PDB file of N, CA and C in Angstrom:
ATOM      1  N   UNK A   1      73.689  62.591 -11.653  1.00  0.00           N
ATOM      2  CA  UNK A   1      72.455  63.298 -11.545  1.00  0.00           C
ATOM      3  C   UNK A   1      71.394  62.598 -12.404  1.00  0.00           C
ATOM      4  N   UNK A   2      70.216  62.341 -11.826  1.00  0.00           N
ATOM      5  CA  UNK A   2      69.151  61.659 -12.560  1.00  0.00           C
ATOM      6  C   UNK A   2      68.257  62.678 -13.242  1.00  0.00           C
ATOM      7  N   UNK A   3      67.969  62.400 -14.495  1.00  0.00           N
ATOM      8  CA  UNK A   3      67.096  63.308 -15.227  1.00  0.00           C
ATOM      9  C   UNK A   3      65.651  62.834 -15.087  1.00  0.00           C
ATOM     10  N   UNK A   4      64.802  63.740 -14.891  1.00  0.00           N
ATOM     11  CA  UNK A   4      63.390  63.416 -14.756  1.00  0.00           C
ATOM     12  C   UNK A   4      62.704  63.708 -16.085  1.00  0.00           C
ATOM     13  N   UNK A   5      62.027  62.649 -16.628  1.00  0.00           N
ATOM     14  CA  UNK A   5      61.340  62.817 -17.908  1.00  0.00           C
ATOM     15  C   UNK A   5      59.861  62.973 -17.613  1.00  0.00           C
ATOM     16  N   UNK A   6      59.306  64.051 -18.053  1.00  0.00           N
ATOM     17  CA  UNK A   6      57.871  64.262 -17.854  1.00  0.00           C
ATOM     18  C   UNK A   6      57.187  64.331 -19.207  1.00  0.00           C
ATOM     19  N   UNK A   7      56.010  63.736 -19.248  1.00  0.00           N
ATOM     20  CA  UNK A   7      55.236  63.746 -20.489  1.00  0.00           C
ATOM     21  C   UNK A   7      54.299  64.945 -20.474  1.00  0.00           C
ATOM     22  N   UNK A   8      54.014  65.480 -21.602  1.00  0.00           N
ATOM     23  CA  UNK A   8      53.026  66.564 -21.655  1.00  0.00           C
ATOM     24  C   UNK A   8      51.653  66.031 -21.240  1.00  0.00           C
ATOM     25  N   UNK A   9      50.831  66.880 -20.689  1.00  0.00           N
ATOM     26  CA  UNK A   9      49.507  66.432 -20.227  1.00  0.00           C
ATOM     27  C   UNK A   9      48.655  65.826 -21.329  1.00  0.00           C
ATOM     28  N   UNK A  10      48.797  66.269 -22.550  1.00  0.00           N
ATOM     29  CA  UNK A  10      47.987  65.748 -23.654  1.00  0.00           C
ATOM     30  C   UNK A  10      48.310  64.277 -23.906  1.00  0.00           C
ATOM     31  N   UNK A  11      49.587  63.888 -23.781  1.00  0.00           N
ATOM     32  CA  UNK A  11      49.981  62.507 -24.025  1.00  0.00           C
ATOM     33  C   UNK A  11      49.411  61.602 -22.938  1.00  0.00           C
ATOM     34  N   UNK A  12      49.463  62.039 -21.686  1.00  0.00           N
ATOM     35  CA  UNK A  12      48.939  61.212 -20.608  1.00  0.00           C
ATOM     36  C   UNK A  12      47.421  61.046 -20.728  1.00  0.00           C
ATOM     37  N   UNK A  13      46.733  62.068 -21.215  1.00  0.00           N
ATOM     38  CA  UNK A  13      45.282  61.968 -21.428  1.00  0.00           C
ATOM     39  C   UNK A  13      44.990  60.939 -22.517  1.00  0.00           C
ATOM     40  N   UNK A  14      45.767  60.963 -23.612  1.00  0.00           N
ATOM     41  CA  UNK A  14      45.551  60.001 -24.686  1.00  0.00           C
ATOM     42  C   UNK A  14      45.855  58.582 -24.216  1.00  0.00           C
ATOM     43  N   UNK A  15      46.886  58.423 -23.436  1.00  0.00           N
ATOM     44  CA  UNK A  15      47.243  57.090 -22.940  1.00  0.00           C
ATOM     45  C   UNK A  15      46.168  56.564 -22.001  1.00  0.00           C
ATOM     46  N   UNK A  16      45.708  57.373 -21.078  1.00  0.00           N
ATOM     47  CA  UNK A  16      44.678  56.913 -20.145  1.00  0.00           C
ATOM     48  C   UNK A  16      43.358  56.633 -20.874  1.00  0.00           C
ATOM     49  N   UNK A  17      43.020  57.449 -21.866  1.00  0.00           N
ATOM     50  CA  UNK A  17      41.807  57.201 -22.644  1.00  0.00           C
ATOM     51  C   UNK A  17      41.929  55.908 -23.440  1.00  0.00           C
ATOM     52  N   UNK A  18      43.091  55.692 -24.027  1.00  0.00           N
ATOM     53  CA  UNK A  18      43.309  54.458 -24.791  1.00  0.00           C
ATOM     54  C   UNK A  18      43.231  53.231 -23.918  1.00  0.00           C
ATOM     55  N   UNK A  19      43.828  53.286 -22.729  1.00  0.00           N
ATOM     56  CA  UNK A  19      43.751  52.140 -21.820  1.00  0.00           C
ATOM     57  C   UNK A  19      42.326  51.900 -21.335  1.00  0.00           C
ATOM     58  N   UNK A  20      41.577  52.958 -21.104  1.00  0.00           N
ATOM     59  CA  UNK A  20      40.183  52.816 -20.688  1.00  0.00           C
ATOM     60  C   UNK A  20      39.352  52.161 -21.788  1.00  0.00           C
ATOM     61  N   UNK A  21      39.542  52.612 -23.018  1.00  0.00           N
ATOM     62  CA  UNK A  21      38.796  52.025 -24.134  1.00  0.00           C
ATOM     63  C   UNK A  21      39.177  50.555 -24.348  1.00  0.00           C
ATOM     64  N   UNK A  22      40.448  50.254 -24.200  1.00  0.00           N
ATOM     65  CA  UNK A  22      40.903  48.880 -24.360  1.00  0.00           C
ATOM     66  C   UNK A  22      40.307  47.972 -23.293  1.00  0.00           C
ATOM     67  N   UNK A  23      40.297  48.427 -22.055  1.00  0.00           N
ATOM     68  CA  UNK A  23      39.726  47.604 -20.989  1.00  0.00           C
ATOM     69  C   UNK A  23      38.217  47.451 -21.159  1.00  0.00           C
ATOM     70  N   UNK A  24      37.536  48.488 -21.590  1.00  0.00           N
ATOM     71  CA  UNK A  24      36.093  48.407 -21.832  1.00  0.00           C
ATOM     72  C   UNK A  24      35.788  47.436 -22.969  1.00  0.00           C
ATOM     73  N   UNK A  25      36.598  47.475 -24.014  1.00  0.00           N
ATOM     74  CA  UNK A  25      36.416  46.563 -25.145  1.00  0.00           C
ATOM     75  C   UNK A  25      36.642  45.115 -24.723  1.00  0.00           C
ATOM     76  N   UNK A  26      37.665  44.863 -23.935  1.00  0.00           N
ATOM     77  CA  UNK A  26      37.917  43.504 -23.464  1.00  0.00           C
ATOM     78  C   UNK A  26      36.793  42.997 -22.568  1.00  0.00           C
ATOM     79  N   UNK A  27      36.276  43.859 -21.716  1.00  0.00           N
ATOM     80  CA  UNK A  27      35.169  43.472 -20.850  1.00  0.00           C
ATOM     81  C   UNK A  27      33.925  43.130 -21.666  1.00  0.00           C
ATOM     82  N   UNK A  28      33.624  43.942 -22.653  1.00  0.00           N
ATOM     83  CA  UNK A  28      32.472  43.681 -23.522  1.00  0.00           C
ATOM     84  C   UNK A  28      32.653  42.377 -24.292  1.00  0.00           C
ATOM     85  N   UNK A  29      33.850  42.139 -24.781  1.00  0.00           N
ATOM     86  CA  UNK A  29      34.136  40.907 -25.523  1.00  0.00           C
ATOM     87  C   UNK A  29      33.962  39.679 -24.638  1.00  0.00           C
ATOM     88  N   UNK A  30      34.432  39.748 -23.408  1.00  0.00           N
ATOM     89  CA  UNK A  30      34.269  38.627 -22.487  1.00  0.00           C
ATOM     90  C   UNK A  30      32.793  38.362 -22.184  1.00  0.00           C
ATOM     91  N   UNK A  31      32.011  39.414 -22.025  1.00  0.00           N
ATOM     92  CA  UNK A  31      30.574  39.236 -21.767  1.00  0.00           C
ATOM     93  C   UNK A  31      29.877  38.581 -22.953  1.00  0.00           C
ATOM     94  N   UNK A  32      30.212  38.986 -24.164  1.00  0.00           N
ATOM     95  CA  UNK A  32      29.594  38.411 -25.361  1.00  0.00           C
ATOM     96  C   UNK A  32      29.981  36.944 -25.507  1.00  0.00           C
ATOM     97  N   UNK A  33      31.242  36.623 -25.246  1.00  0.00           N
ATOM     98  CA  UNK A  33      31.691  35.230 -25.358  1.00  0.00           C
ATOM     99  C   UNK A  33      30.983  34.363 -24.330  1.00  0.00           C
ATOM    100  N   UNK A  34      30.857  34.843 -23.100  1.00  0.00           N
ATOM    101  CA  UNK A  34      30.169  34.055 -22.068  1.00  0.00           C
ATOM    102  C   UNK A  34      28.705  33.830 -22.426  1.00  0.00           C
ATOM    103  N   UNK A  35      28.035  34.862 -22.947  1.00  0.00           N
ATOM    104  CA  UNK A  35      26.621  34.726 -23.314  1.00  0.00           C
ATOM    105  C   UNK A  35      26.461  33.748 -24.463  1.00  0.00           C
ATOM    106  N   UNK A  36      27.350  33.835 -25.444  1.00  0.00           N
ATOM    107  CA  UNK A  36      27.272  32.937 -26.589  1.00  0.00           C
ATOM    108  C   UNK A  36      27.511  31.495 -26.162  1.00  0.00           C
ATOM    109  N   UNK A  37      28.477  31.284 -25.280  1.00  0.00           N
ATOM    110  CA  UNK A  37      28.764  29.937 -24.806  1.00  0.00           C
ATOM    111  C   UNK A  37      27.573  29.372 -24.034  1.00  0.00           C
ATOM    112  N   UNK A  38      26.895  30.239 -23.287  1.00  0.00           N
ATOM    113  CA  UNK A  38      25.743  29.796 -22.521  1.00  0.00           C
ATOM    114  C   UNK A  38      24.579  29.416 -23.437  1.00  0.00           C
ATOM    115  N   UNK A  39      24.393  30.168 -24.532  1.00  0.00           N
ATOM    116  CA  UNK A  39      23.253  29.949 -25.422  1.00  0.00           C
ATOM    117  C   UNK A  39      23.505  28.861 -26.452  1.00  0.00           C
ATOM    118  N   UNK A  40      24.743  28.613 -26.831  1.00  0.00           N
ATOM    119  CA  UNK A  40      25.032  27.660 -27.888  1.00  0.00           C
ATOM    120  C   UNK A  40      25.867  26.497 -27.363  1.00  0.00           C
ATOM    121  N   UNK A  41      25.348  25.811 -26.360  1.00  0.00           N
ATOM    122  CA  UNK A  41      26.065  24.679 -25.799  1.00  0.00           C
ATOM    123  C   UNK A  41      25.695  23.391 -26.518  1.00  0.00           C
ATOM    124  N   UNK A  42      26.294  22.309 -26.083  1.00  0.00           N
ATOM    125  CA  UNK A  42      25.955  21.002 -26.639  1.00  0.00           C
ATOM    126  C   UNK A  42      25.035  20.281 -25.674  1.00  0.00           C
ATOM    127  N   UNK A  43      24.156  19.481 -26.208  1.00  0.00           N
ATOM    128  CA  UNK A  43      23.191  18.755 -25.405  1.00  0.00           C
ATOM    129  C   UNK A  43      23.765  17.398 -25.047  1.00  0.00           C
ATOM    130  N   UNK A  44      24.067  17.205 -23.768  1.00  0.00           N
ATOM    131  CA  UNK A  44      24.607  15.933 -23.302  1.00  0.00           C
ATOM    132  C   UNK A  44      23.838  15.497 -22.063  1.00  0.00           C
ATOM    133  N   UNK A  45      22.739  14.790 -22.238  1.00  0.00           N
ATOM    134  CA  UNK A  45      21.944  14.415 -21.069  1.00  0.00           C
ATOM    135  C   UNK A  45      22.682  13.455 -20.141  1.00  0.00           C
ATOM    136  N   UNK A  46      23.552  12.595 -20.681  1.00  0.00           N
ATOM    137  CA  UNK A  46      24.256  11.659 -19.808  1.00  0.00           C
ATOM    138  C   UNK A  46      25.188  12.406 -18.857  1.00  0.00           C
ATOM    139  N   UNK A  47      25.800  13.470 -19.315  1.00  0.00           N
ATOM    140  CA  UNK A  47      26.672  14.255 -18.438  1.00  0.00           C
ATOM    141  C   UNK A  47      25.857  14.922 -17.334  1.00  0.00           C
ATOM    142  N   UNK A  48      24.666  15.401 -17.667  1.00  0.00           N
ATOM    143  CA  UNK A  48      23.814  16.015 -16.653  1.00  0.00           C
ATOM    144  C   UNK A  48      23.372  14.983 -15.624  1.00  0.00           C
ATOM    145  N   UNK A  49      23.038  13.770 -16.059  1.00  0.00           N
ATOM    146  CA  UNK A  49      22.631  12.730 -15.119  1.00  0.00           C
ATOM    147  C   UNK A  49      23.783  12.355 -14.199  1.00  0.00           C
ATOM    148  N   UNK A  50      24.986  12.245 -14.748  1.00  0.00           N
ATOM    149  CA  UNK A  50      26.146  11.925 -13.908  1.00  0.00           C
ATOM    150  C   UNK A  50      26.407  13.026 -12.901  1.00  0.00           C
ATOM    151  N   UNK A  51      26.188  14.263 -13.317  1.00  0.00           N
ATOM    152  CA  UNK A  51      26.395  15.383 -12.411  1.00  0.00           C
ATOM    153  C   UNK A  51      25.394  15.314 -11.255  1.00  0.00           C
ATOM    154  N   UNK A  52      24.155  14.958 -11.562  1.00  0.00           N
ATOM    155  CA  UNK A  52      23.126  14.884 -10.524  1.00  0.00           C
ATOM    156  C   UNK A  52      23.374  13.713  -9.585  1.00  0.00           C
ATOM    157  N   UNK A  53      23.758  12.562 -10.126  1.00  0.00           N
ATOM    158  CA  UNK A  53      23.998  11.406  -9.259  1.00  0.00           C
ATOM    159  C   UNK A  53      25.283  11.573  -8.472  1.00  0.00           C
ATOM    160  N   UNK A  54      26.244  12.295  -9.007  1.00  0.00           N
ATOM    161  CA  UNK A  54      27.485  12.542  -8.284  1.00  0.00           C
ATOM    162  C   UNK A  54      27.245  13.432  -7.082  1.00  0.00           C
ATOM    163  N   UNK A  55      26.301  14.342  -7.175  1.00  0.00           N
ATOM    164  CA  UNK A  55      25.991  15.231  -6.061  1.00  0.00           C
ATOM    165  C   UNK A  55      25.248  14.484  -4.966  1.00  0.00           C
ATOM    166  N   UNK A  56      24.523  13.414  -5.331  1.00  0.00           N
ATOM    167  CA  UNK A  56      23.766  12.651  -4.346  1.00  0.00           C
ATOM    168  C   UNK A  56      24.688  11.845  -3.448  1.00  0.00           C
ATOM    169  N   UNK A  57      25.865  11.502  -3.911  1.00  0.00           N
ATOM    170  CA  UNK A  57      26.816  10.763  -3.084  1.00  0.00           C
ATOM    171  C   UNK A  57      26.558   9.272  -3.105  1.00  0.00           C
ATOM    172  N   UNK A  58      26.595   8.670  -1.924  1.00  0.00           N
ATOM    173  CA  UNK A  58      26.460   7.213  -1.842  1.00  0.00           C
ATOM    174  C   UNK A  58      25.025   6.778  -1.575  1.00  0.00           C
ATOM    175  N   UNK A  59      24.081   7.648  -1.838  1.00  0.00           N
ATOM    176  CA  UNK A  59      22.681   7.284  -1.652  1.00  0.00           C
ATOM    177  C   UNK A  59      22.250   6.288  -2.719  1.00  0.00           C
ATOM    178  N   UNK A  60      21.031   5.805  -2.564  1.00  0.00           N
ATOM    179  CA  UNK A  60      20.491   4.878  -3.557  1.00  0.00           C
ATOM    180  C   UNK A  60      20.416   5.579  -4.908  1.00  0.00           C
ATOM    181  N   UNK A  61      20.555   4.836  -6.013  1.00  0.00           N
ATOM    182  CA  UNK A  61      20.579   5.485  -7.321  1.00  0.00           C
ATOM    183  C   UNK A  61      19.306   6.248  -7.667  1.00  0.00           C
ATOM    184  N   UNK A  62      18.189   5.824  -7.164  1.00  0.00           N
ATOM    185  CA  UNK A  62      16.953   6.527  -7.479  1.00  0.00           C
ATOM    186  C   UNK A  62      15.950   6.335  -6.359  1.00  0.00           C
ATOM    187  N   UNK A  63      14.953   7.179  -6.302  1.00  0.00           N
ATOM    188  CA  UNK A  63      13.934   7.023  -5.291  1.00  0.00           C
ATOM    189  C   UNK A  63      12.993   5.903  -5.713  1.00  0.00           C
ATOM    190  N   UNK A  64      12.700   4.971  -4.804  1.00  0.00           N
ATOM    191  CA  UNK A  64      11.766   3.897  -5.173  1.00  0.00           C
ATOM    192  C   UNK A  64      10.356   4.466  -5.315  1.00  0.00           C
ATOM    193  N   UNK A  65       9.698   4.064  -6.367  1.00  0.00           N
ATOM    194  CA  UNK A  65       8.329   4.518  -6.598  1.00  0.00           C
ATOM    195  C   UNK A  65       7.370   3.686  -5.751  1.00  0.00           C
ATOM    196  N   UNK A  66       6.355   4.316  -5.182  1.00  0.00           N
ATOM    197  CA  UNK A  66       5.388   3.538  -4.401  1.00  0.00           C
ATOM    198  C   UNK A  66       4.558   2.650  -5.338  1.00  0.00           C
ATOM    199  N   UNK A  67       4.187   1.498  -4.828  1.00  0.00           N
ATOM    200  CA  UNK A  67       3.371   0.572  -5.630  1.00  0.00           C
ATOM    201  C   UNK A  67       1.978   1.143  -5.799  1.00  0.00           C
ATOM    202  N   UNK A  68       1.345   0.925  -6.953  1.00  0.00           N
ATOM    203  CA  UNK A  68      -0.021   1.413  -7.136  1.00  0.00           C
ATOM    204  C   UNK A  68      -0.985   0.627  -6.257  1.00  0.00           C
ATOM    205  N   UNK A  69      -2.138   1.244  -5.980  1.00  0.00           N
ATOM    206  CA  UNK A  69      -3.152   0.555  -5.171  1.00  0.00           C
ATOM    207  C   UNK A  69      -3.651  -0.662  -5.916  1.00  0.00           C
ATOM    208  N   UNK A  70      -3.956  -1.689  -5.154  1.00  0.00           N
ATOM    209  CA  UNK A  70      -4.438  -2.937  -5.749  1.00  0.00           C
ATOM    210  C   UNK A  70      -5.853  -2.738  -6.296  1.00  0.00           C
ATOM    211  N   UNK A  71      -6.059  -3.200  -7.509  1.00  0.00           N
ATOM    212  CA  UNK A  71      -7.391  -3.066  -8.113  1.00  0.00           C
ATOM    213  C   UNK A  71      -8.264  -4.222  -7.632  1.00  0.00           C
ATOM    214  N   UNK A  72      -9.484  -3.894  -7.327  1.00  0.00           N
ATOM    215  CA  UNK A  72     -10.408  -4.930  -6.838  1.00  0.00           C
ATOM    216  C   UNK A  72     -11.660  -4.939  -7.705  1.00  0.00           C
ATOM    217  N   UNK A  73     -12.189  -6.111  -7.846  1.00  0.00           N
ATOM    218  CA  UNK A  73     -13.435  -6.249  -8.586  1.00  0.00           C
ATOM    219  C   UNK A  73     -14.606  -6.077  -7.633  1.00  0.00           C
ATOM    220  N   UNK A  74     -15.721  -5.562  -8.150  1.00  0.00           N
ATOM    221  CA  UNK A  74     -16.899  -5.352  -7.299  1.00  0.00           C
ATOM    222  C   UNK A  74     -17.682  -6.626  -7.229  1.00  0.00           C
TER     223      UNK A  74
END
């Protein structure tokens, strides 16, 4: 014969409240860590340039600039 163990309602309320608070705390902690990481990063311009050129693929490395108009004397 299997015995059924039941918890009093007060214990289940405390357990569910504790789990809710724990999950809320973890969510808040993750949000703070993500915001801090976003605001306090390292400045690496070469990595950003590589990221931009990598997205361009096999295109030319840069857009050619048009030549300036020829200056003429009056």
